[in-house]
Protein backbone atom coordinates (compact mmCIF):
# COMPACT_ATOMS: atom_id res chain seq x y z
CA MET A 1 1.83 12.41 -20.08
CA ILE A 2 2.89 13.14 -16.16
CA ASP A 3 2.84 16.76 -15.36
CA LEU A 4 4.08 16.84 -12.33
CA VAL A 5 5.71 14.64 -9.45
CA VAL A 6 5.76 15.53 -5.81
CA GLU A 7 8.43 14.05 -4.13
CA LEU A 8 7.40 13.65 -0.01
CA SER A 9 9.96 12.35 2.45
CA GLY A 10 10.57 8.68 3.05
CA ASP A 11 11.10 7.85 -0.64
CA ARG A 12 7.21 8.58 -1.38
CA LEU A 13 5.49 10.36 -4.29
CA ILE A 14 2.36 11.68 -6.02
CA GLY A 15 1.76 12.10 -9.27
CA ILE A 16 -0.44 14.99 -10.92
CA GLU A 17 -1.90 15.00 -14.82
CA ILE A 18 -3.65 17.95 -15.96
CA LYS A 19 -6.20 17.54 -18.57
CA ALA A 20 -8.34 20.08 -20.83
CA ALA A 21 -11.09 18.03 -20.76
CA ALA A 22 -14.45 17.83 -19.04
CA ALA A 23 -14.47 13.91 -19.04
CA VAL A 24 -11.82 11.58 -17.79
CA ASP A 25 -11.48 7.94 -17.56
CA ALA A 26 -8.90 5.44 -16.48
CA GLY A 27 -7.37 5.50 -19.72
CA ASP A 28 -6.32 8.90 -19.05
CA ALA A 29 -4.62 7.91 -15.90
CA ARG A 30 -2.19 5.09 -17.75
CA HIS A 31 0.79 7.16 -17.29
CA LEU A 32 0.12 7.49 -13.40
CA ALA A 33 -1.03 3.94 -13.48
CA TRP A 34 2.46 2.84 -14.84
CA LEU A 35 4.14 5.28 -12.68
CA ARG A 36 2.04 3.26 -9.45
CA ASP A 37 3.12 -0.28 -10.89
CA THR A 38 6.81 0.95 -11.26
CA MET A 39 7.25 2.45 -8.10
CA GLY A 40 5.11 0.26 -5.87
CA PRO A 41 4.98 1.26 -2.37
CA SER A 42 6.35 4.66 -2.88
CA PHE A 43 3.65 5.96 -4.92
CA VAL A 44 0.89 7.53 -2.39
CA HIS A 45 -1.64 8.55 -5.10
CA GLY A 46 -1.98 9.65 -8.70
CA LEU A 47 -4.05 12.57 -9.28
CA VAL A 48 -6.00 13.63 -12.58
CA LEU A 49 -6.98 17.19 -12.42
CA HIS A 50 -9.71 17.86 -15.36
CA THR A 51 -12.52 20.53 -16.21
CA GLY A 52 -15.40 18.93 -15.38
CA PRO A 53 -17.28 18.55 -12.09
CA GLY A 54 -16.95 15.21 -10.56
CA LEU A 55 -14.67 13.78 -7.93
CA PHE A 56 -14.06 10.12 -8.50
CA ALA A 57 -11.77 7.07 -8.16
CA LEU A 58 -10.22 5.87 -11.40
CA ALA A 59 -8.27 3.03 -9.95
CA ASP A 60 -6.07 1.76 -6.96
CA ARG A 61 -4.76 5.01 -5.77
CA LEU A 62 -5.87 7.05 -8.90
CA THR A 63 -8.48 9.89 -8.63
CA ALA A 64 -9.93 12.45 -11.01
CA ALA A 65 -10.94 15.77 -9.52
CA PRO A 66 -12.23 19.05 -10.98
CA ILE A 67 -9.08 21.47 -11.27
CA GLY A 68 -11.10 23.91 -9.15
CA THR A 69 -10.43 21.73 -6.18
CA LEU A 70 -7.08 23.52 -6.00
CA TRP A 71 -8.37 26.66 -4.83
CA SER A 72 -11.55 25.74 -3.42
């Protein structure tokens, strides 16, 4: 489930999912991948926030980041 969609100017958007897990993988971003594939170039990026320590790419325009990145 996508927790948040941020609409930017120019019909662009960013999708955010929040997971209560320390380890995430591309499967955790499946809804963001669907949104990316559906929206095409309007989809700027998808972010999966998690409780683990790592920041890493999951797929094209999809990234996993520690939730602490929001306030650090």
